[in-house]
Protein backbone atom coordinates (compact mmCIF):
# COMPACT_ATOMS: atom_id res chain seq x y z
CA MET A 1 27.77 -9.38 22.85
CA SER A 2 25.73 -6.73 21.04
CA ASP A 3 22.35 -5.42 22.18
CA VAL A 4 21.32 -4.89 18.54
CA PRO A 5 18.34 -7.12 17.66
CA ALA A 6 18.99 -9.90 15.16
CA GLU A 7 16.35 -8.44 12.82
CA VAL A 8 17.56 -4.88 12.42
CA PRO A 9 15.82 -2.51 9.98
CA VAL A 10 18.14 -3.51 7.14
CA LEU A 11 15.88 -6.55 6.88
CA ALA A 12 12.89 -4.25 6.57
CA ASP A 13 13.76 -2.73 3.18
CA PRO A 14 10.37 -1.73 1.72
CA MET A 15 11.66 -0.88 -1.77
CA PRO A 16 10.87 -4.24 -3.43
CA ARG A 17 7.27 -4.07 -2.14
CA VAL A 18 6.92 -0.40 -3.06
CA LEU A 19 8.16 -1.01 -6.60
CA SER A 20 6.01 -4.09 -7.21
CA TRP A 21 2.93 -2.43 -5.69
CA LEU A 22 3.24 0.65 -7.89
CA ALA A 23 4.11 -1.36 -11.03
CA GLY A 24 1.20 -3.75 -10.62
CA HIS A 25 -1.52 -1.49 -9.27
CA GLU A 26 -4.46 -1.28 -11.67
CA ALA A 27 -4.80 2.50 -11.39
CA MET A 28 -1.09 3.07 -12.10
CA VAL A 29 -1.07 0.69 -15.06
CA ALA A 30 -4.14 2.41 -16.50
CA ALA A 31 -2.63 5.88 -16.02
CA LEU A 32 0.90 5.13 -17.24
CA GLY A 33 0.03 2.88 -20.16
CA PRO A 34 1.50 -0.42 -21.33
CA GLY A 35 5.05 -1.54 -20.71
CA GLU A 36 7.36 -1.39 -17.73
CA ARG A 37 6.96 2.18 -16.53
CA VAL A 38 7.91 1.98 -12.85
CA GLY A 39 11.48 1.40 -11.80
CA LEU A 40 14.79 2.62 -10.46
CA TYR A 41 15.91 4.49 -13.59
CA ASN A 42 14.85 7.33 -15.84
CA GLU A 43 14.52 5.41 -19.09
CA PRO A 44 11.86 5.00 -21.80
CA PRO A 45 9.01 4.39 -22.22
CA TYR A 46 7.42 7.61 -20.92
CA PRO A 47 5.55 8.68 -18.94
CA ARG A 48 7.46 6.83 -16.24
CA LEU A 49 7.81 6.72 -12.47
CA ARG A 50 11.29 6.55 -11.03
CA VAL A 51 11.32 5.34 -7.41
CA VAL A 52 14.38 6.11 -5.29
CA ASP A 53 15.33 5.30 -1.68
CA THR A 54 16.74 8.59 -0.35
CA GLY A 55 17.52 7.60 3.24
CA GLY A 56 15.26 7.85 6.23
CA ASP A 57 15.23 7.00 9.90
CA ASP A 58 16.59 3.67 11.17
CA ARG A 59 15.13 4.34 14.64
CA ALA A 60 18.50 3.61 16.30
CA LEU A 61 18.46 0.10 14.81
CA THR A 62 15.29 -0.94 16.57
CA TRP A 63 12.47 -2.97 15.06
CA LEU A 64 10.83 -0.17 13.02
CA ALA A 65 12.43 1.74 10.13
CA GLY A 66 11.27 4.74 8.13
CA THR A 67 12.47 4.81 4.53
CA ASP A 68 12.19 8.02 2.53
CA VAL A 69 11.00 7.14 -0.95
CA GLN A 70 11.24 9.79 -3.65
CA ILE A 71 8.83 9.41 -6.54
CA GLU A 72 9.69 11.13 -9.82
CA ALA A 73 7.14 11.34 -12.64
CA TYR A 74 8.98 11.80 -15.95
CA GLY A 75 7.70 12.83 -19.33
CA ASP A 76 9.40 12.51 -22.69
CA LEU A 77 11.97 15.02 -23.95
CA ASP A 78 9.31 16.35 -26.36
CA GLY A 79 7.41 17.63 -23.31
CA ALA A 80 4.63 15.04 -23.38
CA PRO A 81 2.48 14.37 -21.44
CA GLY A 82 2.83 17.84 -19.84
CA LYS A 83 3.26 19.39 -16.42
CA ALA A 84 -0.32 18.93 -15.18
CA GLU A 85 -0.41 15.26 -16.15
CA LEU A 86 2.93 14.52 -14.49
CA ARG A 87 1.67 16.16 -11.30
CA ARG A 88 -1.47 14.01 -11.49
CA LEU A 89 0.64 10.87 -11.95
CA LEU A 90 2.82 11.76 -8.97
CA TYR A 91 -0.18 12.26 -6.69
CA LEU A 92 -1.84 9.13 -8.01
CA ALA A 93 1.32 7.23 -7.00
CA PHE A 94 1.17 8.82 -3.53
CA GLY A 95 -2.45 7.68 -3.16
CA VAL A 96 -1.63 4.17 -4.35
CA LEU A 97 1.21 3.94 -1.83
CA MET A 98 -1.16 5.02 0.96
CA GLU A 99 -3.06 1.76 0.31
CA LEU A 100 0.01 -0.43 0.87
CA PRO A 101 -0.26 -0.76 4.68
CA GLU A 102 -3.76 -2.22 4.24
CA GLN A 103 -2.50 -5.09 2.05
CA PRO A 104 -2.27 -8.48 3.74
CA GLY A 105 0.95 -10.43 4.03
CA GLY A 106 4.22 -9.50 2.47
CA SER A 107 7.66 -9.00 3.83
CA PRO A 108 8.64 -6.65 5.20
CA VAL A 109 5.46 -5.51 6.91
CA ILE A 110 4.52 -2.00 5.76
CA SER A 111 2.89 -0.35 8.75
CA GLY A 112 2.45 3.17 7.44
CA VAL A 113 2.98 5.62 4.59
CA ARG A 114 2.90 9.39 5.05
CA SER A 115 3.68 12.44 2.99
CA LEU A 116 7.24 13.65 3.40
CA ARG A 117 7.73 16.23 0.66
CA ALA A 118 5.05 17.78 -1.53
CA GLY A 119 5.27 17.43 -5.27
CA ALA A 120 7.37 20.03 -7.05
CA TRP A 121 8.01 20.80 -10.70
CA SER A 122 11.68 19.94 -11.24
CA PRO A 123 12.70 19.37 -14.88
CA GLU A 124 16.03 17.72 -15.64
CA PRO A 125 18.89 19.94 -16.91
CA THR A 126 18.18 18.48 -20.36
CA GLY A 127 14.70 20.01 -20.21
CA GLN A 128 13.01 16.65 -19.66
CA PRO A 129 9.83 17.32 -17.68
CA CYS A 130 9.65 15.91 -14.16
CA TYR A 131 7.53 16.25 -11.03
CA ARG A 132 9.14 15.05 -7.76
CA GLY A 133 7.88 14.38 -4.26
CA ALA A 134 8.46 11.93 -1.43
CA VAL A 135 6.77 9.75 1.16
CA ARG A 136 8.08 8.00 4.25
CA VAL A 137 7.36 4.28 4.36
CA MET A 138 7.39 2.68 7.83
CA SER A 139 8.29 -1.00 7.87
CA HIS A 140 9.54 -3.80 10.06
CA PRO A 141 10.73 -7.39 9.42
């Protein structure tokens, strides 16, 4: 018989809550504009936030898990909206995610969000503008 709890961190995947929180938050919608602009892929319309699970800490399969979430703020290939605006969008997303632990209900429970990697200018090889950074999201079932 295993000593691993029945509700291991795999049940605490915060990505669905992170994505829906960013996509539906009033400040993000106002800043990004109309249309679906938060998701798992770098695709139009732009500007856009790509949100990627990049690993984390499963706390030896105990109750709490820390998921590293990379946020990428993309502009269009024509360079719009520009480096400064993409940085602003990235840090707006970080601030919005910091509010998530305060939200009632939801599964999994998000108990904390902290900065993991500061924003950095990191255009794609195609020249498409992009600012990237990451947070760690702590969650449990």
